[in-house]
Amino acid sequence: SPLVELTLARCREFIREPDAIFWVYVFPLFLVLALGIAF
């Protein structure tokens, strides 16, 4: 179905962007670590 194909295409675009993966998954963890240690 077009919905499945378009969704898969969007997922592939995201996975192929290392910067996007960093800001979505890694940066929040650094933020938790920094603020958690600070307080």
All heavy atoms as atom14 arrays in JSON, in Angstrom:
{
  "sequence": "SPLVELTLARCREFIREPDAIFWVYVFPLFLVLALGIAF",
  "atom14_mask": [
    [1, 1, 1, 1, 1, 1, 0, 0, 0, 0, 0, 0, 0, 0],
    [1, 1, 1, 1, 1, 1, 1, 0, 0, 0, 0, 0, 0, 0],
    [1, 1, 1, 1, 1, 1, 1, 1, 0, 0, 0, 0, 0, 0],
    [1, 1, 1, 1, 1, 1, 1, 0, 0, 0, 0, 0, 0, 0],
    [1, 1, 1, 1, 1, 1, 1, 1, 1, 0, 0, 0, 0, 0],
    [1, 1, 1, 1, 1, 1, 1, 1, 0, 0, 0, 0, 0, 0],
    [1, 1, 1, 1, 1, 1, 1, 0, 0, 0, 0, 0, 0, 0],
    [1, 1, 1, 1, 1, 1, 1, 1, 0, 0, 0, 0, 0, 0],
    [1, 1, 1, 1, 1, 0, 0, 0, 0, 0, 0, 0, 0, 0],
    [1, 1, 1, 1, 1, 1, 1, 1, 1, 1, 1, 0, 0, 0],
    [1, 1, 1, 1, 1, 1, 0, 0, 0, 0, 0, 0, 0, 0],
    [1, 1, 1, 1, 1, 1, 1, 1, 1, 1, 1, 0, 0, 0],
    [1, 1, 1, 1, 1, 1, 1, 1, 1, 0, 0, 0, 0, 0],
    [1, 1, 1, 1, 1, 1, 1, 1, 1, 1, 1, 0, 0, 0],
    [1, 1, 1, 1, 1, 1, 1, 1, 0, 0, 0, 0, 0, 0],
    [1, 1, 1, 1, 1, 1, 1, 1, 1, 1, 1, 0, 0, 0],
    [1, 1, 1, 1, 1, 1, 1, 1, 1, 0, 0, 0, 0, 0],
    [1, 1, 1, 1, 1, 1, 1, 0, 0, 0, 0, 0, 0, 0],
    [1, 1, 1, 1, 1, 1, 1, 1, 0, 0, 0, 0, 0, 0],
    [1, 1, 1, 1, 1, 0, 0, 0, 0, 0, 0, 0, 0, 0],
    [1, 1, 1, 1, 1, 1, 1, 1, 0, 0, 0, 0, 0, 0],
    [1, 1, 1, 1, 1, 1, 1, 1, 1, 1, 1, 0, 0, 0],
    [1, 1, 1, 1, 1, 1, 1, 1, 1, 1, 1, 1, 1, 1],
    [1, 1, 1, 1, 1, 1, 1, 0, 0, 0, 0, 0, 0, 0],
    [1, 1, 1, 1, 1, 1, 1, 1, 1, 1, 1, 1, 0, 0],
    [1, 1, 1, 1, 1, 1, 1, 0, 0, 0, 0, 0, 0, 0],
    [1, 1, 1, 1, 1, 1, 1, 1, 1, 1, 1, 0, 0, 0],
    [1, 1, 1, 1, 1, 1, 1, 0, 0, 0, 0, 0, 0, 0],
    [1, 1, 1, 1, 1, 1, 1, 1, 0, 0, 0, 0, 0, 0],
    [1, 1, 1, 1, 1, 1, 1, 1, 1, 1, 1, 0, 0, 0],
    [1, 1, 1, 1, 1, 1, 1, 1, 0, 0, 0, 0, 0, 0],
    [1, 1, 1, 1, 1, 1, 1, 0, 0, 0, 0, 0, 0, 0],
    [1, 1, 1, 1, 1, 1, 1, 1, 0, 0, 0, 0, 0, 0],
    [1, 1, 1, 1, 1, 0, 0, 0, 0, 0, 0, 0, 0, 0],
    [1, 1, 1, 1, 1, 1, 1, 1, 0, 0, 0, 0, 0, 0],
    [1, 1, 1, 1, 0, 0, 0, 0, 0, 0, 0, 0, 0, 0],
    [1, 1, 1, 1, 1, 1, 1, 1, 0, 0, 0, 0, 0, 0],
    [1, 1, 1, 1, 1, 0, 0, 0, 0, 0, 0, 0, 0, 0],
    [1, 1, 1, 1, 1, 1, 1, 1, 1, 1, 1, 0, 0, 0]
  ],
  "atom14_positions": [
    [[0.84, -1.2, 0.0], [0.0, 0.0, 0.0], [0.87, 1.25, 0.0], [2.0, 1.23, 0.5], [-0.91, 0.0, 1.23], [-0.14, 0.26, 2.4], [0.0, 0.0, 0.0], [0.0, 0.0, 0.0], [0.0, 0.0, 0.0], [0.0, 0.0, 0.0], [0.0, 0.0, 0.0], [0.0, 0.0, 0.0], [0.0, 0.0, 0.0], [0.0, 0.0, 0.0]],
    [[0.38, 2.36, -0.57], [1.17, 3.6, -0.59], [1.58, 4.05, 0.81], [2.68, 4.56, 1.0], [0.22, 4.6, -1.24], [-0.7, 3.77, -2.07], [-0.87, 2.5, -1.32], [0.0, 0.0, 0.0], [0.0, 0.0, 0.0], [0.0, 0.0, 0.0], [0.0, 0.0, 0.0], [0.0, 0.0, 0.0], [0.0, 0.0, 0.0], [0.0, 0.0, 0.0]],
    [[0.69, 3.86, 1.8], [1.03, 4.29, 3.16], [2.25, 3.56, 3.69], [3.16, 4.17, 4.26], [-0.17, 4.06, 4.08], [0.04, 4.36, 5.57], [0.45, 5.81, 5.77], [-1.2, 4.02, 6.37], [0.0, 0.0, 0.0], [0.0, 0.0, 0.0], [0.0, 0.0, 0.0], [0.0, 0.0, 0.0], [0.0, 0.0, 0.0], [0.0, 0.0, 0.0]],
    [[2.31, 2.23, 3.48], [3.45, 1.44, 3.96], [4.72, 1.86, 3.24], [5.78, 2.05, 3.86], [3.18, -0.06, 3.78], [4.43, -0.87, 4.14], [2.0, -0.5, 4.64], [0.0, 0.0, 0.0], [0.0, 0.0, 0.0], [0.0, 0.0, 0.0], [0.0, 0.0, 0.0], [0.0, 0.0, 0.0], [0.0, 0.0, 0.0], [0.0, 0.0, 0.0]],
    [[4.65, 2.0, 1.91], [5.83, 2.36, 1.13], [6.35, 3.74, 1.51], [7.56, 3.96, 1.65], [5.5, 2.32, -0.36], [5.23, 0.92, -0.9], [6.49, 0.05, -0.89], [7.6, 0.6, -0.73], [6.35, -1.17, -1.01], [0.0, 0.0, 0.0], [0.0, 0.0, 0.0], [0.0, 0.0, 0.0], [0.0, 0.0, 0.0], [0.0, 0.0, 0.0]],
    [[5.45, 4.71, 1.68], [5.87, 6.06, 2.04], [6.46, 6.09, 3.44], [7.45, 6.79, 3.69], [4.67, 7.02, 1.95], [4.17, 7.32, 0.54], [2.82, 8.01, 0.59], [5.18, 8.2, -0.19], [0.0, 0.0, 0.0], [0.0, 0.0, 0.0], [0.0, 0.0, 0.0], [0.0, 0.0, 0.0], [0.0, 0.0, 0.0], [0.0, 0.0, 0.0]],
    [[5.88, 5.34, 4.36], [6.42, 5.29, 5.72], [7.81, 4.67, 5.73], [8.72, 5.17, 6.41], [5.48, 4.48, 6.64], [4.17, 5.07, 6.63], [6.0, 4.45, 8.06], [0.0, 0.0, 0.0], [0.0, 0.0, 0.0], [0.0, 0.0, 0.0], [0.0, 0.0, 0.0], [0.0, 0.0, 0.0], [0.0, 0.0, 0.0], [0.0, 0.0, 0.0]],
    [[7.99, 3.59, 4.99], [9.31, 2.96, 4.91], [10.34, 3.91, 4.29], [11.49, 3.96, 4.72], [9.23, 1.68, 4.09], [8.47, 0.51, 4.75], [8.35, -0.66, 3.77], [9.19, 0.06, 6.02], [0.0, 0.0, 0.0], [0.0, 0.0, 0.0], [0.0, 0.0, 0.0], [0.0, 0.0, 0.0], [0.0, 0.0, 0.0], [0.0, 0.0, 0.0]],
    [[9.9, 4.68, 3.28], [10.81, 5.64, 2.64], [11.26, 6.7, 3.64], [12.43, 7.08, 3.68], [10.13, 6.28, 1.44], [0.0, 0.0, 0.0], [0.0, 0.0, 0.0], [0.0, 0.0, 0.0], [0.0, 0.0, 0.0], [0.0, 0.0, 0.0], [0.0, 0.0, 0.0], [0.0, 0.0, 0.0], [0.0, 0.0, 0.0], [0.0, 0.0, 0.0]],
    [[10.32, 7.21, 4.44], [10.67, 8.2, 5.44], [11.61, 7.62, 6.49], [12.55, 8.28, 6.93], [9.41, 8.72, 6.13], [8.51, 9.56, 5.25], [9.14, 10.89, 4.9], [9.5, 11.62, 6.11], [10.5, 12.48, 6.19], [11.27, 12.71, 5.14], [10.76, 13.11, 7.32], [0.0, 0.0, 0.0], [0.0, 0.0, 0.0], [0.0, 0.0, 0.0]],
    [[11.4, 6.38, 6.87], [12.28, 5.73, 7.86], [13.69, 5.56, 7.3], [14.69, 5.78, 8.0], [11.72, 4.38, 8.27], [10.2, 4.47, 9.25], [0.0, 0.0, 0.0], [0.0, 0.0, 0.0], [0.0, 0.0, 0.0], [0.0, 0.0, 0.0], [0.0, 0.0, 0.0], [0.0, 0.0, 0.0], [0.0, 0.0, 0.0], [0.0, 0.0, 0.0]],
    [[13.77, 5.16, 6.02], [15.1, 5.01, 5.4], [15.83, 6.35, 5.33], [17.05, 6.42, 5.56], [14.96, 4.41, 4.01], [14.43, 2.97, 3.99], [14.51, 2.39, 2.6], [13.8, 1.12, 2.51], [12.59, 0.98, 1.97], [11.97, 2.03, 1.45], [12.02, -0.21, 1.93], [0.0, 0.0, 0.0], [0.0, 0.0, 0.0], [0.0, 0.0, 0.0]],
    [[15.11, 7.4, 5.0], [15.74, 8.73, 4.95], [16.31, 9.11, 6.31], [17.41, 9.66, 6.41], [14.71, 9.77, 4.51], [14.32, 9.7, 3.04], [13.3, 10.77, 2.68], [13.12, 11.71, 3.48], [12.69, 10.67, 1.61], [0.0, 0.0, 0.0], [0.0, 0.0, 0.0], [0.0, 0.0, 0.0], [0.0, 0.0, 0.0], [0.0, 0.0, 0.0]],
    [[15.57, 8.82, 7.36], [16.02, 9.16, 8.71], [17.25, 8.35, 9.09], [18.23, 8.89, 9.61], [14.89, 8.9, 9.71], [15.27, 9.19, 11.13], [15.22, 10.47, 11.64], [15.7, 8.16, 11.97], [15.58, 10.73, 12.96], [16.06, 8.41, 13.28], [16.0, 9.7, 13.78], [0.0, 0.0, 0.0], [0.0, 0.0, 0.0], [0.0, 0.0, 0.0]],
    [[17.23, 7.04, 8.84], [18.33, 6.17, 9.23], [19.62, 6.54, 8.5], [20.73, 6.39, 9.03], [17.96, 4.7, 8.97], [16.82, 4.27, 9.9], [19.15, 3.78, 9.15], [16.25, 2.91, 9.6], [0.0, 0.0, 0.0], [0.0, 0.0, 0.0], [0.0, 0.0, 0.0], [0.0, 0.0, 0.0], [0.0, 0.0, 0.0], [0.0, 0.0, 0.0]],
    [[19.5, 7.07, 7.3], [20.68, 7.43, 6.51], [21.28, 8.77, 6.91], [22.25, 9.22, 6.3], [20.32, 7.43, 5.02], [20.02, 6.04, 4.48], [19.38, 6.09, 3.13], [19.03, 4.76, 2.65], [18.26, 4.52, 1.59], [17.77, 5.54, 0.89], [17.99, 3.27, 1.22], [0.0, 0.0, 0.0], [0.0, 0.0, 0.0], [0.0, 0.0, 0.0]],
    [[20.7, 9.44, 7.91], [21.21, 10.74, 8.37], [21.82, 10.57, 9.76], [21.11, 10.57, 10.76], [20.08, 11.77, 8.41], [19.54, 12.18, 7.06], [20.55, 13.0, 6.28], [21.46, 13.6, 6.92], [20.44, 13.04, 5.05], [0.0, 0.0, 0.0], [0.0, 0.0, 0.0], [0.0, 0.0, 0.0], [0.0, 0.0, 0.0], [0.0, 0.0, 0.0]],
    [[23.13, 10.43, 9.86], [23.76, 10.26, 11.19], [23.48, 11.44, 12.12], [23.34, 11.25, 13.33], [25.26, 10.16, 10.85], [25.3, 9.73, 9.42], [24.1, 10.35, 8.77], [0.0, 0.0, 0.0], [0.0, 0.0, 0.0], [0.0, 0.0, 0.0], [0.0, 0.0, 0.0], [0.0, 0.0, 0.0], [0.0, 0.0, 0.0], [0.0, 0.0, 0.0]],
    [[23.42, 12.66, 11.57], [23.15, 13.83, 12.4], [21.79, 13.72, 13.06], [21.63, 14.05, 14.25], [23.21, 15.11, 11.56], [24.63, 15.4, 11.08], [25.56, 14.77, 11.6], [24.78, 16.26, 10.2], [0.0, 0.0, 0.0], [0.0, 0.0, 0.0], [0.0, 0.0, 0.0], [0.0, 0.0, 0.0], [0.0, 0.0, 0.0], [0.0, 0.0, 0.0]],
    [[20.8, 13.28, 12.3], [19.45, 13.16, 12.85], [19.41, 12.12, 13.96], [18.77, 12.31, 15.0], [18.46, 12.78, 11.74], [0.0, 0.0, 0.0], [0.0, 0.0, 0.0], [0.0, 0.0, 0.0], [0.0, 0.0, 0.0], [0.0, 0.0, 0.0], [0.0, 0.0, 0.0], [0.0, 0.0, 0.0], [0.0, 0.0, 0.0], [0.0, 0.0, 0.0]],
    [[20.1, 10.99, 13.76], [20.13, 9.94, 14.78], [20.77, 10.48, 16.06], [20.31, 10.21, 17.17], [20.88, 8.71, 14.27], [20.1, 8.07, 13.11], [21.1, 7.7, 15.38], [20.8, 6.93, 12.44], [0.0, 0.0, 0.0], [0.0, 0.0, 0.0], [0.0, 0.0, 0.0], [0.0, 0.0, 0.0], [0.0, 0.0, 0.0], [0.0, 0.0, 0.0]],
    [[21.85, 11.25, 15.92], [22.53, 11.81, 17.09], [21.59, 12.73, 17.88], [21.46, 12.59, 19.1], [23.77, 12.59, 16.67], [24.41, 13.36, 17.8], [25.25, 12.72, 18.71], [24.14, 14.71, 17.97], [25.82, 13.42, 19.75], [24.71, 15.42, 19.01], [25.55, 14.76, 19.91], [0.0, 0.0, 0.0], [0.0, 0.0, 0.0], [0.0, 0.0, 0.0]],
    [[20.93, 13.66, 17.18], [20.1, 14.64, 17.89], [18.84, 14.01, 18.47], [18.33, 14.46, 19.49], [19.73, 15.78, 16.95], [20.88, 16.68, 16.62], [21.55, 16.77, 15.44], [21.54, 17.59, 17.52], [22.57, 17.68, 15.54], [22.59, 18.19, 16.8], [21.34, 17.93, 18.85], [23.43, 19.14, 17.38], [22.18, 18.89, 19.42], [23.21, 19.47, 18.69]],
    [[18.35, 12.95, 17.87], [17.12, 12.33, 18.37], [17.41, 11.37, 19.51], [16.69, 11.36, 20.53], [16.39, 11.6, 17.22], [15.25, 10.74, 17.76], [15.83, 12.61, 16.23], [0.0, 0.0, 0.0], [0.0, 0.0, 0.0], [0.0, 0.0, 0.0], [0.0, 0.0, 0.0], [0.0, 0.0, 0.0], [0.0, 0.0, 0.0], [0.0, 0.0, 0.0]],
    [[18.46, 10.55, 19.4], [18.68, 9.48, 20.37], [19.83, 9.74, 21.34], [19.76, 9.34, 22.5], [18.93, 8.16, 19.64], [17.71, 7.64, 18.92], [17.64, 7.62, 17.53], [16.61, 7.18, 19.64], [16.52, 7.14, 16.88], [15.49, 6.7, 18.99], [15.45, 6.69, 17.62], [14.33, 6.23, 16.98], [0.0, 0.0, 0.0], [0.0, 0.0, 0.0]],
    [[20.9, 10.36, 20.87], [22.1, 10.5, 21.71], [22.09, 11.8, 22.51], [22.38, 11.79, 23.72], [23.38, 10.42, 20.84], [24.62, 10.52, 21.72], [23.39, 9.11, 20.05], [0.0, 0.0, 0.0], [0.0, 0.0, 0.0], [0.0, 0.0, 0.0], [0.0, 0.0, 0.0], [0.0, 0.0, 0.0], [0.0, 0.0, 0.0], [0.0, 0.0, 0.0]],
    [[21.74, 12.91, 21.87], [21.78, 14.19, 22.56], [20.91, 14.23, 23.81], [21.34, 14.75, 24.86], [21.39, 15.32, 21.61], [21.36, 16.68, 22.26], [22.53, 17.32, 22.6], [20.14, 17.3, 22.54], [22.5, 18.57, 23.22], [20.1, 18.52, 23.16], [21.28, 19.17, 23.49], [0.0, 0.0, 0.0], [0.0, 0.0, 0.0], [0.0, 0.0, 0.0]],
    [[19.65, 13.7, 23.79], [18.86, 13.71, 25.04], [19.53, 12.97, 26.19], [19.38, 13.36, 27.35], [17.55, 13.01, 24.62], [17.45, 13.24, 23.16], [18.87, 13.19, 22.65], [0.0, 0.0, 0.0], [0.0, 0.0, 0.0], [0.0, 0.0, 0.0], [0.0, 0.0, 0.0], [0.0, 0.0, 0.0], [0.0, 0.0, 0.0], [0.0, 0.0, 0.0]],
    [[20.28, 11.92, 25.88], [20.98, 11.19, 26.94], [22.1, 12.03, 27.54], [22.31, 12.03, 28.76], [21.54, 9.87, 26.4], [20.52, 8.9, 25.78], [21.21, 7.6, 25.39], [19.37, 8.63, 26.74], [0.0, 0.0, 0.0], [0.0, 0.0, 0.0], [0.0, 0.0, 0.0], [0.0, 0.0, 0.0], [0.0, 0.0, 0.0], [0.0, 0.0, 0.0]],
    [[22.84, 12.77, 26.69], [23.85, 13.67, 27.2], [23.22, 14.75, 28.08], [23.78, 15.16, 29.11], [24.63, 14.33, 26.05], [25.7, 13.46, 25.46], [25.66, 13.08, 24.14], [26.76, 13.01, 26.25], [26.64, 12.28, 23.59], [27.75, 12.2, 25.72], [27.7, 11.83, 24.38], [0.0, 0.0, 0.0], [0.0, 0.0, 0.0], [0.0, 0.0, 0.0]],
    [[22.04, 15.24, 27.66], [21.35, 16.26, 28.43], [20.94, 15.72, 29.8], [21.11, 16.39, 30.82], [20.11, 16.74, 27.65], [19.47, 18.06, 28.07], [20.47, 19.19, 27.97], [18.25, 18.34, 27.21], [0.0, 0.0, 0.0], [0.0, 0.0, 0.0], [0.0, 0.0, 0.0], [0.0, 0.0, 0.0], [0.0, 0.0, 0.0], [0.0, 0.0, 0.0]],
    [[20.39, 14.51, 29.83], [20.02, 13.88, 31.11], [21.26, 13.7, 31.98], [21.24, 13.99, 33.19], [19.33, 12.54, 30.86], [19.16, 11.78, 32.17], [17.98, 12.74, 30.2], [0.0, 0.0, 0.0], [0.0, 0.0, 0.0], [0.0, 0.0, 0.0], [0.0, 0.0, 0.0], [0.0, 0.0, 0.0], [0.0, 0.0, 0.0], [0.0, 0.0, 0.0]],
    [[22.35, 13.24, 31.39], [23.58, 12.99, 32.15], [24.13, 14.28, 32.75], [24.45, 14.35, 33.94], [24.62, 12.34, 31.24], [25.96, 11.98, 31.88], [25.76, 10.92, 32.96], [26.93, 11.47, 30.82], [0.0, 0.0, 0.0], [0.0, 0.0, 0.0], [0.0, 0.0, 0.0], [0.0, 0.0, 0.0], [0.0, 0.0, 0.0], [0.0, 0.0, 0.0]],
    [[24.2, 15.33, 31.91], [24.77, 16.6, 32.39], [23.91, 17.23, 33.48], [24.41, 17.62, 34.53], [24.93, 17.56, 31.2], [0.0, 0.0, 0.0], [0.0, 0.0, 0.0], [0.0, 0.0, 0.0], [0.0, 0.0, 0.0], [0.0, 0.0, 0.0], [0.0, 0.0, 0.0], [0.0, 0.0, 0.0], [0.0, 0.0, 0.0], [0.0, 0.0, 0.0]],
    [[22.6, 17.33, 33.24], [21.73, 17.96, 34.22], [21.56, 17.09, 35.46], [21.45, 17.61, 36.58], [20.36, 18.25, 33.6], [20.36, 19.3, 32.48], [18.98, 19.41, 31.85], [20.79, 20.65, 33.01], [0.0, 0.0, 0.0], [0.0, 0.0, 0.0], [0.0, 0.0, 0.0], [0.0, 0.0, 0.0], [0.0, 0.0, 0.0], [0.0, 0.0, 0.0]],
    [[21.54, 15.77, 35.27], [21.42, 14.88, 36.41], [22.62, 14.97, 37.33], [22.48, 15.0, 38.55], [0.0, 0.0, 0.0], [0.0, 0.0, 0.0], [0.0, 0.0, 0.0], [0.0, 0.0, 0.0], [0.0, 0.0, 0.0], [0.0, 0.0, 0.0], [0.0, 0.0, 0.0], [0.0, 0.0, 0.0], [0.0, 0.0, 0.0], [0.0, 0.0, 0.0]],
    [[23.83, 15.04, 36.76], [25.04, 15.18, 37.58], [25.07, 16.56, 38.24], [25.44, 16.7, 39.41], [26.29, 14.95, 36.72], [26.36, 13.48, 36.28], [27.55, 15.35, 37.48], [27.5, 13.18, 35.33], [0.0, 0.0, 0.0], [0.0, 0.0, 0.0], [0.0, 0.0, 0.0], [0.0, 0.0, 0.0], [0.0, 0.0, 0.0], [0.0, 0.0, 0.0]],
    [[24.65, 17.59, 37.49], [24.7, 18.96, 38.02], [23.79, 19.13, 39.22], [24.1, 19.89, 40.14], [24.32, 19.94, 36.92], [0.0, 0.0, 0.0], [0.0, 0.0, 0.0], [0.0, 0.0, 0.0], [0.0, 0.0, 0.0], [0.0, 0.0, 0.0], [0.0, 0.0, 0.0], [0.0, 0.0, 0.0], [0.0, 0.0, 0.0], [0.0, 0.0, 0.0]],
    [[22.64, 18.45, 39.23], [21.66, 18.67, 40.29], [21.5, 17.46, 41.21], [20.58, 17.42, 42.01], [20.3, 19.02, 39.68], [20.29, 20.35, 39.0], [20.44, 20.44, 37.63], [20.16, 21.51, 39.73], [20.44, 21.67, 37.0], [20.16, 22.75, 39.11], [20.3, 22.83, 37.74], [0.0, 0.0, 0.0], [0.0, 0.0, 0.0], [0.0, 0.0, 0.0]]
  ]
}
